[in-house]
Amino acid sequence: GDSTNVGGNVPVWNLYLHLPYTASGCRPGDIALIESSDDPDLVGAR
């Protein structure tokens, strides 16, 4: 029942991974490792 931001609102973001339409065989629970990106903060994201 404790609020992390008493009396305030926190933005909630949805996160998506887009793969080519031809990418098949992925299932829930699989883990994607971002190996390269123009955004250096994304590299290494799991």
ModelCIF file with pLDDT and N, C-alpha, C, O atoms, coordinates in Angstrom:
data_MODEL
#
_entry.id   MODEL 
#
_entity.id                         1 
_entity.type                       polymer 
_entity.pdbx_number_of_molecules   1 
#
_entity_poly.entity_id                      1 
_entity_poly.type                           'polypeptide(L)' 
_entity_poly.nstd_linkage                   no 
_entity_poly.nstd_monomer                   no 
_entity_poly.pdbx_seq_one_letter_code       GDSTNVGGNVPVWNLYLHLPYTASGCRPGDIALIESSDDPDLVGAR 
_entity_poly.pdbx_seq_one_letter_code_can   GDSTNVGGNVPVWNLYLHLPYTASGCRPGDIALIESSDDPDLVGAR 
_entity_poly.pdbx_strand_id                 A 
#
loop_
_entity_poly_seq.entity_id 
_entity_poly_seq.num 
_entity_poly_seq.mon_id 
_entity_poly_seq.hetero 
1 1  GLY n 
1 2  ASP n 
1 3  SER n 
1 4  THR n 
1 5  ASN n 
1 6  VAL n 
1 7  GLY n 
1 8  GLY n 
1 9  ASN n 
1 10 VAL n 
1 11 PRO n 
1 12 VAL n 
1 13 TRP n 
1 14 ASN n 
1 15 LEU n 
1 16 TYR n 
1 17 LEU n 
1 18 HIS n 
1 19 LEU n 
1 20 PRO n 
1 21 TYR n 
1 22 THR n 
1 23 ALA n 
1 24 SER n 
1 25 GLY n 
1 26 CYS n 
1 27 ARG n 
1 28 PRO n 
1 29 GLY n 
1 30 ASP n 
1 31 ILE n 
1 32 ALA n 
1 33 LEU n 
1 34 ILE n 
1 35 GLU n 
1 36 SER n 
1 37 SER n 
1 38 ASP n 
1 39 ASP n 
1 40 PRO n 
1 41 ASP n 
1 42 LEU n 
1 43 VAL n 
1 44 GLY n 
1 45 ALA n 
1 46 ARG n 
#
_struct_asym.id          A 
_struct_asym.entity_id   1 
#
loop_
_ma_qa_metric.id 
_ma_qa_metric.mode 
_ma_qa_metric.name 
_ma_qa_metric.software_group_id 
_ma_qa_metric.type 
1 global pLDDT . pLDDT 
2 local  pLDDT . pLDDT 
#
_ma_qa_metric_global.metric_id      1 
_ma_qa_metric_global.metric_value   85.59 
_ma_qa_metric_global.model_id       1 
_ma_qa_metric_global.ordinal_id     1 
#
loop_
_ma_qa_metric_local.label_asym_id 
_ma_qa_metric_local.label_comp_id 
_ma_qa_metric_local.label_seq_id 
_ma_qa_metric_local.metric_id 
_ma_qa_metric_local.metric_value 
_ma_qa_metric_local.model_id 
_ma_qa_metric_local.ordinal_id 
A GLY 1  2 54.00 1 1  
A ASP 2  2 53.00 1 2  
A SER 3  2 53.00 1 3  
A THR 4  2 56.00 1 4  
A ASN 5  2 53.00 1 5  
A VAL 6  2 56.00 1 6  
A GLY 7  2 56.00 1 7  
A GLY 8  2 59.00 1 8  
A ASN 9  2 62.00 1 9  
A VAL 10 2 61.00 1 10 
A PRO 11 2 64.00 1 11 
A VAL 12 2 69.00 1 12 
A TRP 13 2 79.00 1 13 
A ASN 14 2 89.00 1 14 
A LEU 15 2 93.00 1 15 
A TYR 16 2 95.00 1 16 
A LEU 17 2 97.00 1 17 
A HIS 18 2 97.00 1 18 
A LEU 19 2 98.00 1 19 
A PRO 20 2 97.00 1 20 
A TYR 21 2 94.00 1 21 
A THR 22 2 94.00 1 22 
A ALA 23 2 95.00 1 23 
A SER 24 2 92.00 1 24 
A GLY 25 2 94.00 1 25 
A CYS 26 2 96.00 1 26 
A ARG 27 2 96.00 1 27 
A PRO 28 2 96.00 1 28 
A GLY 29 2 96.00 1 29 
A ASP 30 2 97.00 1 30 
A ILE 31 2 97.00 1 31 
A ALA 32 2 98.00 1 32 
A LEU 33 2 97.00 1 33 
A ILE 34 2 98.00 1 34 
A GLU 35 2 98.00 1 35 
A SER 36 2 98.00 1 36 
A SER 37 2 97.00 1 37 
A ASP 38 2 95.00 1 38 
A ASP 39 2 96.00 1 39 
A PRO 40 2 96.00 1 40 
A ASP 41 2 94.00 1 41 
A LEU 42 2 96.00 1 42 
A VAL 43 2 97.00 1 43 
A GLY 44 2 96.00 1 44 
A ALA 45 2 96.00 1 45 
A ARG 46 2 97.00 1 46 
#
loop_
_atom_site.group_PDB 
_atom_site.id 
_atom_site.type_symbol 
_atom_site.label_atom_id 
_atom_site.label_alt_id 
_atom_site.label_comp_id 
_atom_site.label_asym_id 
_atom_site.label_entity_id 
_atom_site.label_seq_id 
_atom_site.pdbx_PDB_ins_code 
_atom_site.Cartn_x 
_atom_site.Cartn_y 
_atom_site.Cartn_z 
_atom_site.occupancy 
_atom_site.B_iso_or_equiv 
_atom_site.pdbx_formal_charge 
_atom_site.auth_seq_id 
_atom_site.auth_comp_id 
_atom_site.auth_asym_id 
_atom_site.auth_atom_id 
_atom_site.pdbx_PDB_model_num 
ATOM 1   N N  . GLY A 1 1  ? 0.798  -1.213  0.000   1.00 54.00 ? 1  GLY A N  1 
ATOM 2   C CA . GLY A 1 1  ? 0.000  0.000   0.000   1.00 54.00 ? 1  GLY A CA 1 
ATOM 3   C C  . GLY A 1 1  ? 0.830  1.262   0.000   1.00 54.00 ? 1  GLY A C  1 
ATOM 4   O O  . GLY A 1 1  ? 0.283  2.361   -0.103  1.00 54.00 ? 1  GLY A O  1 
ATOM 5   N N  . ASP A 1 2  ? 2.154  1.127   0.115   1.00 53.00 ? 2  ASP A N  1 
ATOM 6   C CA . ASP A 1 2  ? 3.023  2.304   0.102   1.00 53.00 ? 2  ASP A CA 1 
ATOM 7   C C  . ASP A 1 2  ? 3.154  2.823   -1.321  1.00 53.00 ? 2  ASP A C  1 
ATOM 8   O O  . ASP A 1 2  ? 3.312  2.047   -2.264  1.00 53.00 ? 2  ASP A O  1 
ATOM 9   N N  . SER A 1 3  ? 3.088  4.126   -1.466  1.00 53.00 ? 3  SER A N  1 
ATOM 10  C CA . SER A 1 3  ? 3.241  4.747   -2.776  1.00 53.00 ? 3  SER A CA 1 
ATOM 11  C C  . SER A 1 3  ? 4.687  5.183   -2.954  1.00 53.00 ? 3  SER A C  1 
ATOM 12  O O  . SER A 1 3  ? 5.281  5.742   -2.031  1.00 53.00 ? 3  SER A O  1 
ATOM 13  N N  . THR A 1 4  ? 5.258  4.937   -4.119  1.00 56.00 ? 4  THR A N  1 
ATOM 14  C CA . THR A 1 4  ? 6.626  5.359   -4.393  1.00 56.00 ? 4  THR A CA 1 
ATOM 15  C C  . THR A 1 4  ? 6.702  6.835   -4.700  1.00 56.00 ? 4  THR A C  1 
ATOM 16  O O  . THR A 1 4  ? 7.786  7.414   -4.758  1.00 56.00 ? 4  THR A O  1 
ATOM 17  N N  . ASN A 1 5  ? 5.554  7.438   -4.897  1.00 53.00 ? 5  ASN A N  1 
ATOM 18  C CA . ASN A 1 5  ? 5.517  8.856   -5.220  1.00 53.00 ? 5  ASN A CA 1 
ATOM 19  C C  . ASN A 1 5  ? 4.236  9.421   -4.600  1.00 53.00 ? 5  ASN A C  1 
ATOM 20  O O  . ASN A 1 5  ? 3.267  9.703   -5.305  1.00 53.00 ? 5  ASN A O  1 
ATOM 21  N N  . VAL A 1 6  ? 4.244  9.581   -3.279  1.00 56.00 ? 6  VAL A N  1 
ATOM 22  C CA . VAL A 1 6  ? 3.047  9.954   -2.543  1.00 56.00 ? 6  VAL A CA 1 
ATOM 23  C C  . VAL A 1 6  ? 2.418  11.207  -3.148  1.00 56.00 ? 6  VAL A C  1 
ATOM 24  O O  . VAL A 1 6  ? 3.065  12.245  -3.288  1.00 56.00 ? 6  VAL A O  1 
ATOM 25  N N  . GLY A 1 7  ? 1.155  11.082  -3.498  1.00 56.00 ? 7  GLY A N  1 
ATOM 26  C CA . GLY A 1 7  ? 0.409  12.211  -4.021  1.00 56.00 ? 7  GLY A CA 1 
ATOM 27  C C  . GLY A 1 7  ? 0.735  12.565  -5.458  1.00 56.00 ? 7  GLY A C  1 
ATOM 28  O O  . GLY A 1 7  ? 0.177  13.519  -6.001  1.00 56.00 ? 7  GLY A O  1 
ATOM 29  N N  . GLY A 1 8  ? 1.621  11.821  -6.078  1.00 59.00 ? 8  GLY A N  1 
ATOM 30  C CA . GLY A 1 8  ? 2.015  12.150  -7.445  1.00 59.00 ? 8  GLY A CA 1 
ATOM 31  C C  . GLY A 1 8  ? 1.722  11.021  -8.398  1.00 59.00 ? 8  GLY A C  1 
ATOM 32  O O  . GLY A 1 8  ? 1.321  9.928   -7.998  1.00 59.00 ? 8  GLY A O  1 
ATOM 33  N N  . ASN A 1 9  ? 1.929  11.303  -9.652  1.00 62.00 ? 9  ASN A N  1 
ATOM 34  C CA . ASN A 1 9  ? 1.755  10.296  -10.693 1.00 62.00 ? 9  ASN A CA 1 
ATOM 35  C C  . ASN A 1 9  ? 3.093  10.008  -11.334 1.00 62.00 ? 9  ASN A C  1 
ATOM 36  O O  . ASN A 1 9  ? 3.946  10.887  -11.447 1.00 62.00 ? 9  ASN A O  1 
ATOM 37  N N  . VAL A 1 10 ? 3.264  8.792   -11.745 1.00 61.00 ? 10 VAL A N  1 
ATOM 38  C CA . VAL A 1 10 ? 4.491  8.345   -12.386 1.00 61.00 ? 10 VAL A CA 1 
ATOM 39  C C  . VAL A 1 10 ? 4.133  7.865   -13.786 1.00 61.00 ? 10 VAL A C  1 
ATOM 40  O O  . VAL A 1 10 ? 3.199  7.078   -13.938 1.00 61.00 ? 10 VAL A O  1 
ATOM 41  N N  . PRO A 1 11 ? 4.855  8.321   -14.820 1.00 64.00 ? 11 PRO A N  1 
ATOM 42  C CA . PRO A 1 11 ? 4.527  7.832   -16.164 1.00 64.00 ? 11 PRO A CA 1 
ATOM 43  C C  . PRO A 1 11 ? 4.883  6.355   -16.297 1.00 64.00 ? 11 PRO A C  1 
ATOM 44  O O  . PRO A 1 11 ? 5.948  5.917   -15.862 1.00 64.00 ? 11 PRO A O  1 
ATOM 45  N N  . VAL A 1 12 ? 3.983  5.604   -16.901 1.00 69.00 ? 12 VAL A N  1 
ATOM 46  C CA . VAL A 1 12 ? 4.186  4.177   -17.122 1.00 69.00 ? 12 VAL A CA 1 
ATOM 47  C C  . VAL A 1 12 ? 4.340  3.963   -18.620 1.00 69.00 ? 12 VAL A C  1 
ATOM 48  O O  . VAL A 1 12 ? 3.482  4.367   -19.405 1.00 69.00 ? 12 VAL A O  1 
ATOM 49  N N  . TRP A 1 13 ? 5.437  3.326   -19.010 1.00 79.00 ? 13 TRP A N  1 
ATOM 50  C CA . TRP A 1 13 ? 5.729  3.109   -20.432 1.00 79.00 ? 13 TRP A CA 1 
ATOM 51  C C  . TRP A 1 13 ? 5.605  1.639   -20.770 1.00 79.00 ? 13 TRP A C  1 
ATOM 52  O O  . TRP A 1 13 ? 5.965  0.777   -19.968 1.00 79.00 ? 13 TRP A O  1 
ATOM 53  N N  . ASN A 1 14 ? 5.101  1.355   -21.945 1.00 89.00 ? 14 ASN A N  1 
ATOM 54  C CA . ASN A 1 14 ? 5.101  0.002   -22.482 1.00 89.00 ? 14 ASN A CA 1 
ATOM 55  C C  . ASN A 1 14 ? 6.350  -0.144  -23.334 1.00 89.00 ? 14 ASN A C  1 
ATOM 56  O O  . ASN A 1 14 ? 6.745  0.788   -24.034 1.00 89.00 ? 14 ASN A O  1 
ATOM 57  N N  . LEU A 1 15 ? 6.967  -1.306  -23.276 1.00 93.00 ? 15 LEU A N  1 
ATOM 58  C CA . LEU A 1 15 ? 8.188  -1.566  -24.020 1.00 93.00 ? 15 LEU A CA 1 
ATOM 59  C C  . LEU A 1 15 ? 7.932  -2.677  -25.031 1.00 93.00 ? 15 LEU A C  1 
ATOM 60  O O  . LEU A 1 15 ? 7.338  -3.706  -24.709 1.00 93.00 ? 15 LEU A O  1 
ATOM 61  N N  . TYR A 1 16 ? 8.389  -2.450  -26.254 1.00 95.00 ? 16 TYR A N  1 
ATOM 62  C CA . TYR A 1 16 ? 8.171  -3.403  -27.352 1.00 95.00 ? 16 TYR A CA 1 
ATOM 63  C C  . TYR A 1 16 ? 9.483  -3.726  -28.051 1.00 95.00 ? 16 TYR A C  1 
ATOM 64  O O  . TYR A 1 16 ? 10.407 -2.914  -28.081 1.00 95.00 ? 16 TYR A O  1 
ATOM 65  N N  . LEU A 1 17 ? 9.544  -4.916  -28.605 1.00 97.00 ? 17 LEU A N  1 
ATOM 66  C CA . LEU A 1 17 ? 10.633 -5.309  -29.487 1.00 97.00 ? 17 LEU A CA 1 
ATOM 67  C C  . LEU A 1 17 ? 9.998  -5.672  -30.822 1.00 97.00 ? 17 LEU A C  1 
ATOM 68  O O  . LEU A 1 17 ? 9.175  -6.585  -30.901 1.00 97.00 ? 17 LEU A O  1 
ATOM 69  N N  . HIS A 1 18 ? 10.387 -4.949  -31.876 1.00 97.00 ? 18 HIS A N  1 
ATOM 70  C CA . HIS A 1 18 ? 9.881  -5.227  -33.220 1.00 97.00 ? 18 HIS A CA 1 
ATOM 71  C C  . HIS A 1 18 ? 10.905 -6.114  -33.929 1.00 97.00 ? 18 HIS A C  1 
ATOM 72  O O  . HIS A 1 18 ? 12.099 -5.815  -33.932 1.00 97.00 ? 18 HIS A O  1 
ATOM 73  N N  . LEU A 1 19 ? 10.436 -7.186  -34.517 1.00 98.00 ? 19 LEU A N  1 
ATOM 74  C CA . LEU A 1 19 ? 11.260 -8.085  -35.324 1.00 98.00 ? 19 LEU A CA 1 
ATOM 75  C C  . LEU A 1 19 ? 10.670 -8.146  -36.728 1.00 98.00 ? 19 LEU A C  1 
ATOM 76  O O  . LEU A 1 19 ? 9.486  -7.864  -36.911 1.00 98.00 ? 19 LEU A O  1 
ATOM 77  N N  . PRO A 1 20 ? 11.477 -8.512  -37.722 1.00 97.00 ? 20 PRO A N  1 
ATOM 78  C CA . PRO A 1 20 ? 10.925 -8.637  -39.079 1.00 97.00 ? 20 PRO A CA 1 
ATOM 79  C C  . PRO A 1 20 ? 9.769  -9.634  -39.113 1.00 97.00 ? 20 PRO A C  1 
ATOM 80  O O  . PRO A 1 20 ? 9.716  -10.569 -38.313 1.00 97.00 ? 20 PRO A O  1 
ATOM 81  N N  . TYR A 1 21 ? 8.866  -9.426  -40.031 1.00 94.00 ? 21 TYR A N  1 
ATOM 82  C CA . TYR A 1 21 ? 7.720  -10.312 -40.175 1.00 94.00 ? 21 TYR A CA 1 
ATOM 83  C C  . TYR A 1 21 ? 8.160  -11.760 -40.401 1.00 94.00 ? 21 TYR A C  1 
ATOM 84  O O  . TYR A 1 21 ? 7.454  -12.694 -40.021 1.00 94.00 ? 21 TYR A O  1 
ATOM 85  N N  . THR A 1 22 ? 9.307  -11.936 -41.008 1.00 94.00 ? 22 THR A N  1 
ATOM 86  C CA . THR A 1 22 ? 9.803  -13.277 -41.322 1.00 94.00 ? 22 THR A CA 1 
ATOM 87  C C  . THR A 1 22 ? 10.444 -13.972 -40.121 1.00 94.00 ? 22 THR A C  1 
ATOM 88  O O  . THR A 1 22 ? 10.745 -15.164 -40.198 1.00 94.00 ? 22 THR A O  1 
ATOM 89  N N  . ALA A 1 23 ? 10.659 -13.262 -39.018 1.00 95.00 ? 23 ALA A N  1 
ATOM 90  C CA . ALA A 1 23 ? 11.257 -13.868 -37.824 1.00 95.00 ? 23 ALA A CA 1 
ATOM 91  C C  . ALA A 1 23 ? 10.220 -14.773 -37.174 1.00 95.00 ? 23 ALA A C  1 
ATOM 92  O O  . ALA A 1 23 ? 9.219  -14.296 -36.639 1.00 95.00 ? 23 ALA A O  1 
ATOM 93  N N  . SER A 1 24 ? 10.459 -16.059 -37.221 1.00 92.00 ? 24 SER A N  1 
ATOM 94  C CA . SER A 1 24 ? 9.476  -16.991 -36.660 1.00 92.00 ? 24 SER A CA 1 
ATOM 95  C C  . SER A 1 24 ? 10.151 -17.880 -35.625 1.00 92.00 ? 24 SER A C  1 
ATOM 96  O O  . SER A 1 24 ? 11.375 -17.997 -35.581 1.00 92.00 ? 24 SER A O  1 
ATOM 97  N N  . GLY A 1 25 ? 9.338  -18.491 -34.810 1.00 94.00 ? 25 GLY A N  1 
ATOM 98  C CA . GLY A 1 25 ? 9.850  -19.427 -33.813 1.00 94.00 ? 25 GLY A CA 1 
ATOM 99  C C  . GLY A 1 25 ? 10.049 -18.829 -32.437 1.00 94.00 ? 25 GLY A C  1 
ATOM 100 O O  . GLY A 1 25 ? 10.316 -19.567 -31.488 1.00 94.00 ? 25 GLY A O  1 
ATOM 101 N N  . CYS A 1 26 ? 9.929  -17.514 -32.292 1.00 96.00 ? 26 CYS A N  1 
ATOM 102 C CA . CYS A 1 26 ? 10.070 -16.888 -30.965 1.00 96.00 ? 26 CYS A CA 1 
ATOM 103 C C  . CYS A 1 26 ? 8.840  -17.224 -30.132 1.00 96.00 ? 26 CYS A C  1 
ATOM 104 O O  . CYS A 1 26 ? 7.730  -17.350 -30.649 1.00 96.00 ? 26 CYS A O  1 
ATOM 105 N N  . ARG A 1 27 ? 9.070  -17.368 -28.815 1.00 96.00 ? 27 ARG A N  1 
ATOM 106 C CA . ARG A 1 27 ? 7.973  -17.691 -27.897 1.00 96.00 ? 27 ARG A CA 1 
ATOM 107 C C  . ARG A 1 27 ? 8.081  -16.847 -26.638 1.00 96.00 ? 27 ARG A C  1 
ATOM 108 O O  . ARG A 1 27 ? 9.158  -16.348 -26.313 1.00 96.00 ? 27 ARG A O  1 
ATOM 109 N N  . PRO A 1 28 ? 6.974  -16.685 -25.928 1.00 96.00 ? 28 PRO A N  1 
ATOM 110 C CA . PRO A 1 28 ? 7.052  -15.997 -24.639 1.00 96.00 ? 28 PRO A CA 1 
ATOM 111 C C  . PRO A 1 28 ? 8.088  -16.677 -23.736 1.00 96.00 ? 28 PRO A C  1 
ATOM 112 O O  . PRO A 1 28 ? 8.173  -17.905 -23.695 1.00 96.00 ? 28 PRO A O  1 
ATOM 113 N N  . GLY A 1 29 ? 8.864  -15.878 -23.022 1.00 96.00 ? 29 GLY A N  1 
ATOM 114 C CA . GLY A 1 29 ? 9.917  -16.399 -22.153 1.00 96.00 ? 29 GLY A CA 1 
ATOM 115 C C  . GLY A 1 29 ? 11.291 -16.366 -22.803 1.00 96.00 ? 29 GLY A C  1 
ATOM 116 O O  . GLY A 1 29 ? 12.303 -16.448 -22.108 1.00 96.00 ? 29 GLY A O  1 
ATOM 117 N N  . ASP A 1 30 ? 11.343 -16.247 -24.135 1.00 97.00 ? 30 ASP A N  1 
ATOM 118 C CA . ASP A 1 30 ? 12.637 -16.109 -24.807 1.00 97.00 ? 30 ASP A CA 1 
ATOM 119 C C  . ASP A 1 30 ? 13.258 -14.778 -24.387 1.00 97.00 ? 30 ASP A C  1 
ATOM 120 O O  . ASP A 1 30 ? 12.558 -13.856 -23.968 1.00 97.00 ? 30 ASP A O  1 
ATOM 121 N N  . ILE A 1 31 ? 14.577 -14.695 -24.507 1.00 97.00 ? 31 ILE A N  1 
ATOM 122 C CA . ILE A 1 31 ? 15.283 -13.490 -24.076 1.00 97.00 ? 31 ILE A CA 1 
ATOM 123 C C  . ILE A 1 31 ? 16.053 -12.902 -25.246 1.00 97.00 ? 31 ILE A C  1 
ATOM 124 O O  . ILE A 1 31 ? 16.828 -13.589 -25.912 1.00 97.00 ? 31 ILE A O  1 
ATOM 125 N N  . ALA A 1 32 ? 15.819 -11.599 -25.485 1.00 98.00 ? 32 ALA A N  1 
ATOM 126 C CA . ALA A 1 32 ? 16.516 -10.879 -26.550 1.00 98.00 ? 32 ALA A CA 1 
ATOM 127 C C  . ALA A 1 32 ? 17.643 -10.061 -25.934 1.00 98.00 ? 32 ALA A C  1 
ATOM 128 O O  . ALA A 1 32 ? 17.444 -9.362  -24.940 1.00 98.00 ? 32 ALA A O  1 
ATOM 129 N N  . LEU A 1 33 ? 18.819 -10.155 -26.528 1.00 97.00 ? 33 LEU A N  1 
ATOM 130 C CA . LEU A 1 33 ? 19.967 -9.344  -26.133 1.00 97.00 ? 33 LEU A CA 1 
ATOM 131 C C  . LEU A 1 33 ? 20.233 -8.353  -27.256 1.00 97.00 ? 33 LEU A C  1 
ATOM 132 O O  . LEU A 1 33 ? 20.468 -8.749  -28.398 1.00 97.00 ? 33 LEU A O  1 
ATOM 133 N N  . ILE A 1 34 ? 20.195 -7.054  -26.929 1.00 98.00 ? 34 ILE A N  1 
ATOM 134 C CA . ILE A 1 34 ? 20.474 -6.028  -27.935 1.00 98.00 ? 34 ILE A CA 1 
ATOM 135 C C  . ILE A 1 34 ? 21.987 -5.940  -28.083 1.00 98.00 ? 34 ILE A C  1 
ATOM 136 O O  . ILE A 1 34 ? 22.689 -5.555  -27.149 1.00 98.00 ? 34 ILE A O  1 
ATOM 137 N N  . GLU A 1 35 ? 22.484 -6.300  -29.263 1.00 98.00 ? 35 GLU A N  1 
ATOM 138 C CA . GLU A 1 35 ? 23.928 -6.366  -29.503 1.00 98.00 ? 35 GLU A CA 1 
ATOM 139 C C  . GLU A 1 35 ? 24.498 -5.081  -30.068 1.00 98.00 ? 35 GLU A C  1 
ATOM 140 O O  . GLU A 1 35 ? 25.632 -4.710  -29.763 1.00 98.00 ? 35 GLU A O  1 
ATOM 141 N N  . SER A 1 36 ? 23.711 -4.399  -30.892 1.00 98.00 ? 36 SER A N  1 
ATOM 142 C CA . SER A 1 36 ? 24.182 -3.121  -31.420 1.00 98.00 ? 36 SER A CA 1 
ATOM 143 C C  . SER A 1 36 ? 22.989 -2.209  -31.636 1.00 98.00 ? 36 SER A C  1 
ATOM 144 O O  . SER A 1 36 ? 21.881 -2.651  -31.941 1.00 98.00 ? 36 SER A O  1 
ATOM 145 N N  . SER A 1 37 ? 23.255 -0.911  -31.465 1.00 97.00 ? 37 SER A N  1 
ATOM 146 C CA . SER A 1 37 ? 22.213 0.092   -31.605 1.00 97.00 ? 37 SER A CA 1 
ATOM 147 C C  . SER A 1 37 ? 22.873 1.445   -31.774 1.00 97.00 ? 37 SER A C  1 
ATOM 148 O O  . SER A 1 37 ? 23.990 1.660   -31.303 1.00 97.00 ? 37 SER A O  1 
ATOM 149 N N  . ASP A 1 38 ? 22.186 2.358   -32.447 1.00 95.00 ? 38 ASP A N  1 
ATOM 150 C CA . ASP A 1 38 ? 22.669 3.735   -32.515 1.00 95.00 ? 38 ASP A CA 1 
ATOM 151 C C  . ASP A 1 38 ? 22.582 4.400   -31.145 1.00 95.00 ? 38 ASP A C  1 
ATOM 152 O O  . ASP A 1 38 ? 23.283 5.378   -30.887 1.00 95.00 ? 38 ASP A O  1 
ATOM 153 N N  . ASP A 1 39 ? 21.728 3.880   -30.265 1.00 96.00 ? 39 ASP A N  1 
ATOM 154 C CA . ASP A 1 39 ? 21.616 4.377   -28.895 1.00 96.00 ? 39 ASP A CA 1 
ATOM 155 C C  . ASP A 1 39 ? 22.517 3.519   -28.011 1.00 96.00 ? 39 ASP A C  1 
ATOM 156 O O  . ASP A 1 39 ? 22.177 2.368   -27.734 1.00 96.00 ? 39 ASP A O  1 
ATOM 157 N N  . PRO A 1 40 ? 23.661 4.048   -27.558 1.00 96.00 ? 40 PRO A N  1 
ATOM 158 C CA . PRO A 1 40 ? 24.588 3.237   -26.771 1.00 96.00 ? 40 PRO A CA 1 
ATOM 159 C C  . PRO A 1 40 ? 23.984 2.706   -25.471 1.00 96.00 ? 40 PRO A C  1 
ATOM 160 O O  . PRO A 1 40 ? 24.460 1.703   -24.938 1.00 96.00 ? 40 PRO A O  1 
ATOM 161 N N  . ASP A 1 41 ? 22.942 3.364   -24.952 1.00 94.00 ? 41 ASP A N  1 
ATOM 162 C CA . ASP A 1 41 ? 22.314 2.882   -23.724 1.00 94.00 ? 41 ASP A CA 1 
ATOM 163 C C  . ASP A 1 41 ? 21.490 1.614   -23.938 1.00 94.00 ? 41 ASP A C  1 
ATOM 164 O O  . ASP A 1 41 ? 21.155 0.927   -22.972 1.00 94.00 ? 41 ASP A O  1 
ATOM 165 N N  . LEU A 1 42 ? 21.162 1.299   -25.178 1.00 96.00 ? 42 LEU A N  1 
ATOM 166 C CA . LEU A 1 42 ? 20.409 0.079   -25.463 1.00 96.00 ? 42 LEU A CA 1 
ATOM 167 C C  . LEU A 1 42 ? 21.311 -1.142  -25.612 1.00 96.00 ? 42 LEU A C  1 
ATOM 168 O O  . LEU A 1 42 ? 20.864 -2.272  -25.417 1.00 96.00 ? 42 LEU A O  1 
ATOM 169 N N  . VAL A 1 43 ? 22.574 -0.922  -25.957 1.00 97.00 ? 43 VAL A N  1 
ATOM 170 C CA . VAL A 1 43 ? 23.493 -2.042  -26.171 1.00 97.00 ? 43 VAL A CA 1 
ATOM 171 C C  . VAL A 1 43 ? 23.663 -2.808  -24.861 1.00 97.00 ? 43 VAL A C  1 
ATOM 172 O O  . VAL A 1 43 ? 23.992 -2.229  -23.826 1.00 97.00 ? 43 VAL A O  1 
ATOM 173 N N  . GLY A 1 44 ? 23.434 -4.107  -24.923 1.00 96.00 ? 44 GLY A N  1 
ATOM 174 C CA . GLY A 1 44 ? 23.526 -4.948  -23.742 1.00 96.00 ? 44 GLY A CA 1 
ATOM 175 C C  . GLY A 1 44 ? 22.210 -5.142  -23.023 1.00 96.00 ? 44 GLY A C  1 
ATOM 176 O O  . GLY A 1 44 ? 22.126 -5.941  -22.090 1.00 96.00 ? 44 GLY A O  1 
ATOM 177 N N  . ALA A 1 45 ? 21.171 -4.418  -23.446 1.00 96.00 ? 45 ALA A N  1 
ATOM 178 C CA . ALA A 1 45 ? 19.857 -4.583  -22.814 1.00 96.00 ? 45 ALA A CA 1 
ATOM 179 C C  . ALA A 1 45 ? 19.349 -5.994  -23.045 1.00 96.00 ? 45 ALA A C  1 
ATOM 180 O O  . ALA A 1 45 ? 19.500 -6.559  -24.128 1.00 96.00 ? 45 ALA A O  1 
ATOM 181 N N  . ARG A 1 46 ? 18.739 -6.556  -21.997 1.00 97.00 ? 46 ARG A N  1 
ATOM 182 C CA . ARG A 1 46 ? 18.132 -7.888  -22.091 1.00 97.00 ? 46 ARG A CA 1 
ATOM 183 C C  . ARG A 1 46 ? 16.635 -7.729  -21.909 1.00 97.00 ? 46 ARG A C  1 
ATOM 184 O O  . ARG A 1 46 ? 15.900 -8.716  -21.948 1.00 97.00 ? 46 ARG A O  1 
#
